[in-house]
Amino acid sequence: MTNRQPLDFTDPRDNVYAFAKMWGSFAPEPHIATFHGTMFASIGTDRLLPVFGFAGTGVTKVKMLDNGHVLMRGKETGFFTDLETGVPMKTWDNPFTGETVEVYEFFNDTIGAELTLELPKLHVGDNPDAAVHMNFRPGNDDPETIPHILPWEVYGDEVLLEWDYTHSYSNPVTPTLWPKASTGPWINPSEHFTIYTSLAELEDRDLPSAHFRAGFSRLSPWWPWMRMGGSGVEGVLFGRMFSRTTHRGMDDVPRPILDRIMERDPSYLELPDDWNAGKVLTTWEAYARDVPPEV
């Protein structure tokens, strides 16, 4: 028997609940999510060149509050992998500069937020003016508050969701301190998901989470560890990945990624102990925090 209660996708409370249940889990045990795919270099009108894989994991716990808000707290990892083996690389031979560079691995345990009945603005970096609503469209960012209504599409039991983040903010890896790592004073990374989940799972109040799978694409400047600053190679990185929550836990994580996490810090496959919301951290913020300036 299931405790199925219909969702009203025009109600911000049901939107917050459905998104939290899909992206995270109300259970006290970790529900591991993973992504994996390929990054391509796009330079002018040249044919796109696959340069390395991009893969990682995430665990997110969620808690419903009496006011309809949801607390979210999690951890994530990100690795750059060999195209042939899928093994996280420690060095990479940059085909554009001829330099062998040290690859930067991303470990972030500061993920935290409170989802309210208003559509959140994602603040990245230290520039509050650069915050943007998810699924930004020209004109919809003028009001300070927008009801938390997401563009769900329901076809029988299949539920689709498009989820976009587009940014432009001051580069934490500044050209003055990291002339080789920095691509300039501003960066504009963006992430785009086409998500698939089950209406029956979303509406079953006895289930702590609803399994999702997604197409995940990403556009950004060169990552700082590639050391493309001053190279004269103007281009962007495009990535296409799978993203999904796992049915079998660690057994559904690509083995080379799982092995690397177990080697470095197995706690990233476990849930945080607290509910403290942290600052949004991207690879650029983490790189500036972890890697000493070049000059």
Protein backbone atom coordinates (compact mmCIF):
# COMPACT_ATOMS: atom_id res chain seq x y z
CA MET A 1 0.00 0.00 0.00
CA THR A 2 1.16 3.52 -0.75
CA ASN A 3 0.27 6.74 1.01
CA ARG A 4 -0.35 8.63 -2.23
CA GLN A 5 -1.52 12.25 -2.00
CA PRO A 6 -1.91 14.28 -5.23
CA LEU A 7 0.48 17.17 -5.83
CA ASP A 8 -0.66 20.59 -7.05
CA PHE A 9 2.20 21.97 -9.16
CA THR A 10 0.62 25.44 -9.04
CA ASP A 11 1.15 25.50 -5.25
CA PRO A 12 4.61 26.67 -4.08
CA ARG A 13 4.46 24.28 -1.09
CA ASP A 14 4.05 21.26 -3.35
CA ASN A 15 6.78 22.57 -5.66
CA VAL A 16 9.24 22.86 -2.77
CA TYR A 17 8.32 19.41 -1.45
CA ALA A 18 8.57 17.73 -4.87
CA PHE A 19 11.90 19.31 -5.76
CA ALA A 20 13.44 18.48 -2.37
CA LYS A 21 12.21 14.88 -2.51
CA MET A 22 13.63 14.44 -6.00
CA TRP A 23 16.99 16.15 -5.47
CA GLY A 24 17.56 14.83 -1.96
CA SER A 25 16.05 12.42 0.55
CA PHE A 26 14.00 12.72 3.73
CA ALA A 27 15.61 9.48 4.99
CA PRO A 28 18.46 9.55 7.53
CA GLU A 29 20.59 7.34 5.26
CA PRO A 30 22.54 8.80 2.31
CA HIS A 31 20.92 8.51 -1.11
CA ILE A 32 23.88 8.83 -3.47
CA ALA A 33 23.60 10.79 -6.71
CA THR A 34 26.23 10.69 -9.43
CA PHE A 35 27.08 12.38 -12.73
CA HIS A 36 29.50 11.36 -15.45
CA GLY A 37 30.21 12.36 -19.03
CA THR A 38 32.59 14.22 -21.34
CA MET A 39 33.89 17.78 -21.61
CA PHE A 40 34.60 19.32 -25.03
CA ALA A 41 36.67 22.35 -25.99
CA SER A 42 34.92 24.77 -28.33
CA ILE A 43 37.24 27.23 -30.10
CA GLY A 44 35.86 29.49 -32.81
CA THR A 45 34.42 27.45 -35.66
CA ASP A 46 36.72 24.47 -35.08
CA ARG A 47 35.27 21.02 -34.56
CA LEU A 48 34.63 20.48 -30.85
CA LEU A 49 37.44 18.48 -29.26
CA PRO A 50 36.79 16.03 -26.39
CA VAL A 51 39.42 16.85 -23.76
CA PHE A 52 38.57 14.88 -20.58
CA GLY A 53 35.74 13.31 -18.64
CA PHE A 54 33.83 15.02 -15.86
CA ALA A 55 32.29 12.95 -13.06
CA GLY A 56 31.38 13.12 -9.40
CA THR A 57 28.89 12.43 -6.65
CA GLY A 58 26.49 14.15 -4.30
CA VAL A 59 24.55 13.31 -1.16
CA THR A 60 21.73 15.60 0.02
CA LYS A 61 19.44 15.35 3.02
CA VAL A 62 16.25 17.39 3.31
CA LYS A 63 13.88 18.28 6.13
CA MET A 64 10.35 19.70 5.88
CA LEU A 65 9.52 22.64 8.15
CA ASP A 66 6.08 23.56 9.48
CA ASN A 67 5.94 26.71 7.31
CA GLY A 68 6.30 24.69 4.09
CA HIS A 69 10.00 25.49 3.70
CA VAL A 70 12.63 22.77 3.29
CA LEU A 71 16.16 22.64 4.69
CA MET A 72 18.74 21.09 2.36
CA ARG A 73 22.24 20.01 3.34
CA GLY A 74 24.77 18.02 1.36
CA LYS A 75 28.24 17.25 0.03
CA GLU A 76 29.60 16.89 -3.49
CA THR A 77 32.71 15.80 -5.37
CA GLY A 78 33.98 16.53 -8.86
CA PHE A 79 36.75 14.84 -10.86
CA PHE A 80 38.32 15.22 -14.28
CA THR A 81 38.92 11.83 -15.81
CA ASP A 82 40.89 10.12 -18.53
CA LEU A 83 38.75 9.75 -21.66
CA GLU A 84 39.69 6.11 -22.19
CA THR A 85 39.73 4.67 -18.67
CA GLY A 86 37.44 6.98 -16.68
CA VAL A 87 40.11 7.18 -13.97
CA PRO A 88 40.50 10.59 -12.27
CA MET A 89 43.62 12.27 -13.64
CA LYS A 90 46.32 13.75 -11.45
CA THR A 91 48.00 15.53 -14.37
CA TRP A 92 46.78 16.51 -17.83
CA ASP A 93 48.75 17.23 -20.99
CA ASN A 94 47.22 20.47 -22.24
CA PRO A 95 47.07 20.14 -26.06
CA PHE A 96 46.66 23.91 -26.51
CA THR A 97 49.67 25.10 -24.51
CA GLY A 98 51.89 21.99 -24.49
CA GLU A 99 52.10 22.23 -20.69
CA THR A 100 51.51 19.33 -18.31
CA VAL A 101 49.31 20.70 -15.55
CA GLU A 102 48.19 19.43 -12.16
CA VAL A 103 44.50 18.53 -12.13
CA TYR A 104 42.35 20.02 -9.37
CA GLU A 105 39.80 17.74 -7.66
CA PHE A 106 36.71 19.37 -6.18
CA PHE A 107 35.49 18.39 -2.71
CA ASN A 108 32.72 20.54 -1.24
CA ASP A 109 31.01 19.83 2.08
CA THR A 110 29.41 23.28 2.49
CA ILE A 111 26.19 22.77 0.48
CA GLY A 112 23.23 24.09 2.43
CA ALA A 113 20.13 26.15 1.87
CA GLU A 114 16.57 26.78 2.97
CA LEU A 115 14.06 26.47 0.14
CA THR A 116 11.23 28.92 0.72
CA LEU A 117 7.91 29.53 -1.03
CA GLU A 118 9.68 32.14 -3.14
CA LEU A 119 11.88 31.06 -6.06
CA PRO A 120 15.48 31.23 -4.79
CA LYS A 121 18.20 33.39 -6.21
CA LEU A 122 21.50 31.57 -6.29
CA HIS A 123 24.34 33.70 -4.92
CA VAL A 124 27.72 32.56 -6.24
CA GLY A 125 30.96 34.17 -5.17
CA ASP A 126 31.10 37.44 -3.24
CA ASN A 127 29.11 39.66 -5.61
CA PRO A 128 25.46 39.82 -4.39
CA ASP A 129 24.42 41.70 -7.54
CA ALA A 130 25.29 38.63 -9.62
CA ALA A 131 22.62 36.43 -8.04
CA VAL A 132 20.04 35.04 -10.44
CA HIS A 133 16.82 33.04 -10.21
CA MET A 134 16.87 29.48 -11.50
CA ASN A 135 15.28 29.15 -14.96
CA PHE A 136 16.03 32.82 -15.66
CA ARG A 137 14.16 34.41 -18.54
CA PRO A 138 14.53 38.03 -19.69
CA GLY A 139 12.07 40.06 -17.66
CA ASN A 140 11.43 37.54 -14.90
CA ASP A 141 14.32 38.74 -12.75
CA ASP A 142 12.94 42.23 -12.21
CA PRO A 143 10.73 41.46 -9.19
CA GLU A 144 12.51 40.69 -5.94
CA THR A 145 10.17 37.78 -5.23
CA ILE A 146 8.69 35.19 -7.57
CA PRO A 147 6.48 32.34 -6.31
CA HIS A 148 8.37 29.06 -6.14
CA ILE A 149 6.68 27.50 -9.16
CA LEU A 150 8.84 25.26 -11.37
CA PRO A 151 8.11 24.28 -15.00
CA TRP A 152 7.01 20.68 -14.33
CA GLU A 153 5.48 18.77 -17.23
CA VAL A 154 3.36 15.71 -16.44
CA TYR A 155 2.71 12.95 -19.00
CA GLY A 156 0.94 10.11 -17.19
CA ASP A 157 3.40 8.94 -14.58
CA GLU A 158 6.36 10.65 -16.25
CA VAL A 159 7.30 14.03 -14.82
CA LEU A 160 9.75 16.27 -16.68
CA LEU A 161 11.54 19.32 -15.32
CA GLU A 162 13.90 21.79 -16.98
CA TRP A 163 16.33 23.41 -14.57
CA ASP A 164 18.84 26.06 -15.64
CA TYR A 165 21.36 28.22 -13.80
CA THR A 166 23.14 30.95 -15.78
CA HIS A 167 25.70 33.19 -14.09
CA SER A 168 28.01 36.10 -14.67
CA TYR A 169 30.14 37.22 -11.74
CA SER A 170 33.60 38.45 -10.79
CA ASN A 171 36.23 35.74 -11.06
CA PRO A 172 37.59 34.62 -7.66
CA VAL A 173 40.72 33.47 -9.51
CA THR A 174 41.85 36.98 -10.35
CA PRO A 175 44.21 37.76 -13.25
CA THR A 176 46.50 39.74 -10.94
CA LEU A 177 47.14 36.86 -8.54
CA TRP A 178 46.73 33.87 -10.89
CA PRO A 179 47.75 35.14 -14.37
CA LYS A 180 48.12 31.59 -15.75
CA ALA A 181 45.01 30.13 -14.10
CA SER A 182 42.66 33.06 -14.65
CA THR A 183 40.71 33.62 -17.87
CA GLY A 184 39.81 37.20 -16.92
CA PRO A 185 38.02 39.34 -14.35
CA TRP A 186 34.57 37.83 -15.05
CA ILE A 187 33.28 34.29 -15.59
CA ASN A 188 29.91 33.03 -16.79
CA PRO A 189 29.47 29.31 -16.01
CA SER A 190 26.03 27.79 -16.58
CA GLU A 191 24.42 24.42 -15.89
CA HIS A 192 21.37 22.91 -17.56
CA PHE A 193 19.35 19.84 -16.58
CA THR A 194 16.53 17.96 -18.29
CA ILE A 195 15.16 15.88 -15.43
CA TYR A 196 12.88 12.82 -15.48
CA THR A 197 11.11 11.40 -12.42
CA SER A 198 7.96 9.51 -11.41
CA LEU A 199 4.69 11.14 -10.35
CA ALA A 200 3.77 8.06 -8.31
CA GLU A 201 7.04 8.28 -6.40
CA LEU A 202 6.69 12.04 -5.84
CA GLU A 203 3.15 11.63 -4.52
CA ASP A 204 3.84 8.61 -2.29
CA ARG A 205 4.34 10.24 1.11
CA ASP A 206 5.84 7.05 2.54
CA LEU A 207 8.79 7.20 0.13
CA PRO A 208 11.68 9.35 1.42
CA SER A 209 12.90 10.18 -2.10
CA ALA A 210 11.90 9.99 -5.76
CA HIS A 211 14.45 8.55 -8.17
CA PHE A 212 15.50 10.94 -10.93
CA ARG A 213 17.67 10.71 -14.00
CA ALA A 214 18.71 13.68 -16.10
CA GLY A 215 20.66 14.97 -19.02
CA PHE A 216 23.19 17.44 -17.62
CA SER A 217 25.04 19.97 -19.79
CA ARG A 218 27.46 22.68 -18.83
CA LEU A 219 29.09 25.73 -20.44
CA SER A 220 31.93 27.67 -18.87
CA PRO A 221 35.27 29.36 -19.44
CA TRP A 222 38.39 27.21 -19.15
CA TRP A 223 38.76 25.83 -15.63
CA PRO A 224 41.61 27.52 -13.72
CA TRP A 225 43.64 24.32 -13.28
CA MET A 226 43.95 24.12 -17.10
CA ARG A 227 46.22 27.21 -16.92
CA MET A 228 44.88 28.80 -20.07
CA GLY A 229 45.34 32.39 -18.90
CA GLY A 230 47.49 34.34 -21.33
CA SER A 231 47.46 31.42 -23.79
CA GLY A 232 45.66 33.42 -26.47
CA VAL A 233 43.29 30.48 -26.99
CA GLU A 234 39.80 31.95 -26.76
CA GLY A 235 37.15 29.30 -26.22
CA VAL A 236 34.71 27.63 -23.84
CA LEU A 237 34.14 24.23 -22.31
CA PHE A 238 30.97 22.34 -23.15
CA GLY A 239 30.01 19.24 -21.18
CA ARG A 240 27.31 16.62 -21.63
CA MET A 241 26.77 14.24 -18.78
CA PHE A 242 24.33 11.80 -17.23
CA SER A 243 23.02 12.78 -13.80
CA ARG A 244 20.98 10.44 -11.61
CA THR A 245 20.20 9.18 -8.15
CA THR A 246 21.34 5.62 -7.64
CA HIS A 247 19.18 2.54 -7.04
CA ARG A 248 22.04 0.44 -5.61
CA GLY A 249 24.05 3.08 -3.79
CA MET A 250 27.80 2.76 -4.23
CA ASP A 251 27.38 -0.04 -6.79
CA ASP A 252 25.87 2.49 -9.21
CA VAL A 253 28.76 4.97 -8.94
CA PRO A 254 31.40 4.58 -11.69
CA ARG A 255 34.07 2.41 -10.10
CA PRO A 256 37.09 4.68 -10.71
CA ILE A 257 35.23 7.58 -9.07
CA LEU A 258 34.18 5.48 -6.10
CA ASP A 259 37.74 4.20 -5.64
CA ARG A 260 39.13 7.74 -5.63
CA ILE A 261 36.61 8.98 -3.06
CA MET A 262 37.33 5.99 -0.81
CA GLU A 263 41.04 6.76 -1.14
CA ARG A 264 40.74 10.46 -0.37
CA ASP A 265 37.75 10.84 1.97
CA PRO A 266 34.97 8.25 2.29
CA SER A 267 32.92 10.67 4.42
CA TYR A 268 31.82 12.36 1.17
CA LEU A 269 29.52 9.38 0.64
CA GLU A 270 27.93 10.06 4.04
CA LEU A 271 25.48 12.79 5.03
CA PRO A 272 26.62 15.86 7.00
CA ASP A 273 25.91 15.80 10.73
CA ASP A 274 24.52 19.35 10.84
CA TRP A 275 21.98 21.56 9.05
CA ASN A 276 24.20 24.63 8.72
CA ALA A 277 23.75 26.38 5.39
CA GLY A 278 27.08 27.18 3.78
CA LYS A 279 28.19 29.56 1.08
CA VAL A 280 27.75 28.32 -2.49
CA LEU A 281 31.14 27.05 -3.59
CA THR A 282 32.15 26.42 -7.19
CA THR A 283 35.45 25.16 -8.58
CA TRP A 284 36.69 28.75 -8.94
CA GLU A 285 36.02 29.66 -5.27
CA ALA A 286 37.52 26.38 -4.11
CA TYR A 287 40.58 26.81 -6.34
CA ALA A 288 41.20 30.34 -5.02
CA ARG A 289 40.85 29.00 -1.48
CA ASP A 290 43.12 25.97 -1.94
CA VAL A 291 45.78 26.99 -4.47
CA PRO A 292 48.32 29.68 -3.52
CA PRO A 293 48.56 32.72 -5.84
CA GLU A 294 51.11 32.46 -8.62
CA VAL A 295 52.49 35.97 -7.95
